[in-house]
Protein backbone atom coordinates (compact mmCIF):
# COMPACT_ATOMS: atom_id res chain seq x y z
CA MET A 1 19.52 -37.58 38.17
CA ASN A 2 20.79 -34.31 39.58
CA ILE A 3 18.05 -32.53 41.54
CA GLY A 4 19.80 -29.19 41.10
CA TYR A 5 19.58 -29.56 37.34
CA VAL A 6 15.87 -30.39 37.54
CA LEU A 7 15.18 -27.39 39.78
CA LYS A 8 17.13 -25.04 37.52
CA LEU A 9 15.34 -26.39 34.47
CA ALA A 10 11.92 -25.79 36.02
CA ARG A 11 12.95 -22.27 37.00
CA THR A 12 14.47 -21.29 33.66
CA ILE A 13 11.68 -22.85 31.60
CA SER A 14 9.25 -20.76 33.64
CA GLY A 15 11.28 -17.63 32.90
CA ILE A 16 11.88 -16.94 36.57
CA GLU A 17 15.12 -15.39 37.78
CA GLN A 18 16.92 -16.65 40.86
CA GLY A 19 16.40 -13.37 42.70
CA PHE A 20 12.64 -13.43 42.22
CA LEU A 21 12.40 -17.08 43.23
CA ALA A 22 14.58 -16.48 46.28
CA GLY A 23 12.21 -13.75 47.43
CA GLU A 24 9.13 -15.90 46.85
CA LEU A 25 10.60 -18.88 48.69
CA ARG A 26 12.28 -16.73 51.36
CA VAL A 27 15.77 -18.06 50.80
CA SER A 28 18.95 -16.45 49.50
CA CYS A 29 20.00 -16.34 45.86
CA SER A 30 23.21 -18.00 46.96
CA TYR A 31 21.28 -20.95 48.41
CA ILE A 32 19.39 -21.48 45.15
CA SER A 33 22.59 -21.12 43.12
CA GLN A 34 24.44 -23.68 45.23
CA ILE A 35 21.59 -26.17 44.89
CA GLU A 36 21.33 -25.67 41.13
CA LYS A 37 25.09 -26.19 40.77
CA GLY A 38 24.95 -29.36 42.86
CA LYS A 39 27.13 -27.89 45.61
CA LYS A 40 24.40 -28.10 48.24
CA LYS A 41 21.58 -30.55 48.84
CA PRO A 42 18.17 -28.88 49.18
CA SER A 43 16.35 -29.19 52.49
CA ASN A 44 12.97 -30.88 52.61
CA ALA A 45 11.41 -27.55 53.59
CA PHE A 46 12.90 -25.93 50.48
CA LEU A 47 11.66 -28.75 48.26
CA ARG A 48 8.14 -28.36 49.70
CA LYS A 49 8.15 -24.62 48.93
CA TYR A 50 9.57 -25.26 45.47
CA ALA A 51 6.99 -27.95 44.72
CA ASP A 52 4.16 -25.66 45.82
CA PHE A 53 5.48 -22.72 43.80
CA PHE A 54 5.89 -24.68 40.57
CA LYS A 55 2.94 -27.03 41.14
CA ILE A 56 5.19 -30.09 40.97
CA PRO A 57 4.28 -33.11 43.13
CA LEU A 58 6.77 -33.18 46.00
CA PRO A 59 7.69 -36.88 45.63
CA LEU A 60 9.01 -36.15 42.14
CA LEU A 61 11.48 -33.67 43.63
CA GLN A 62 12.65 -36.05 46.33
CA ILE A 63 14.57 -38.13 43.82
CA ASP A 64 17.73 -38.26 45.94
CA ASN A 65 15.80 -40.36 48.45
CA GLN A 66 14.64 -42.88 45.87
CA SER A 67 16.35 -46.01 44.65
CA SER A 68 17.66 -45.95 41.10
CA ALA A 69 14.89 -48.36 40.11
CA ASP A 70 12.35 -45.63 40.94
CA TYR A 71 13.95 -43.26 38.40
CA ASP A 72 12.26 -45.12 35.55
CA ASP A 73 8.91 -44.04 36.98
CA VAL A 74 9.97 -40.53 38.04
CA THR A 75 11.75 -39.40 34.88
CA PRO A 76 8.75 -39.49 32.49
CA LYS A 77 6.59 -37.68 35.04
CA LEU A 78 9.19 -34.94 35.49
CA GLN A 79 9.63 -34.66 31.75
CA LYS A 80 5.87 -34.19 31.34
CA ILE A 81 5.70 -31.52 34.05
CA LEU A 82 8.69 -29.64 32.63
CA SER A 83 7.21 -29.90 29.16
CA ASP A 84 3.92 -28.49 30.45
CA LEU A 85 5.80 -25.60 32.09
CA LEU A 86 7.48 -24.85 28.78
CA VAL A 87 4.17 -24.85 26.91
CA VAL A 88 2.60 -22.50 29.46
CA ARG A 89 5.61 -20.17 29.19
CA MET A 90 5.38 -20.14 25.39
CA LEU A 91 1.64 -19.42 25.50
CA GLU A 92 2.22 -16.56 27.94
CA GLN A 93 4.86 -15.08 25.63
CA ASP A 94 2.53 -15.37 22.63
CA SER A 95 -0.25 -13.68 24.60
CA ASN A 96 2.04 -10.86 25.72
CA THR A 97 3.30 -10.36 22.15
CA ALA A 98 -0.26 -10.21 20.81
CA SER A 99 -1.24 -7.67 23.51
CA THR A 100 1.65 -5.33 22.72
CA GLU A 101 0.99 -5.51 18.98
CA GLN A 102 -2.58 -4.22 19.34
């Protein structure tokens, strides 16, 4: 599993742009871009900030440090968290649409 892909998925599902996330996590857009493209491995400090920001348990983001046997346990948990992020995003959009229509 590519951690950069997982991080990008969480960010895009949440509707957050790289620039905003970079400011919140106090890193450069370039750093986030390189991680998401798999060109750079994220530091543990970055993963901690990311996990806190998106409310994702840190061990689920430390998949590069796990054996492939652990992926069977990690993948469903990540899928659930990403699914929950998508639902929250959709509910927020529905709420915003309803507010502007009134």
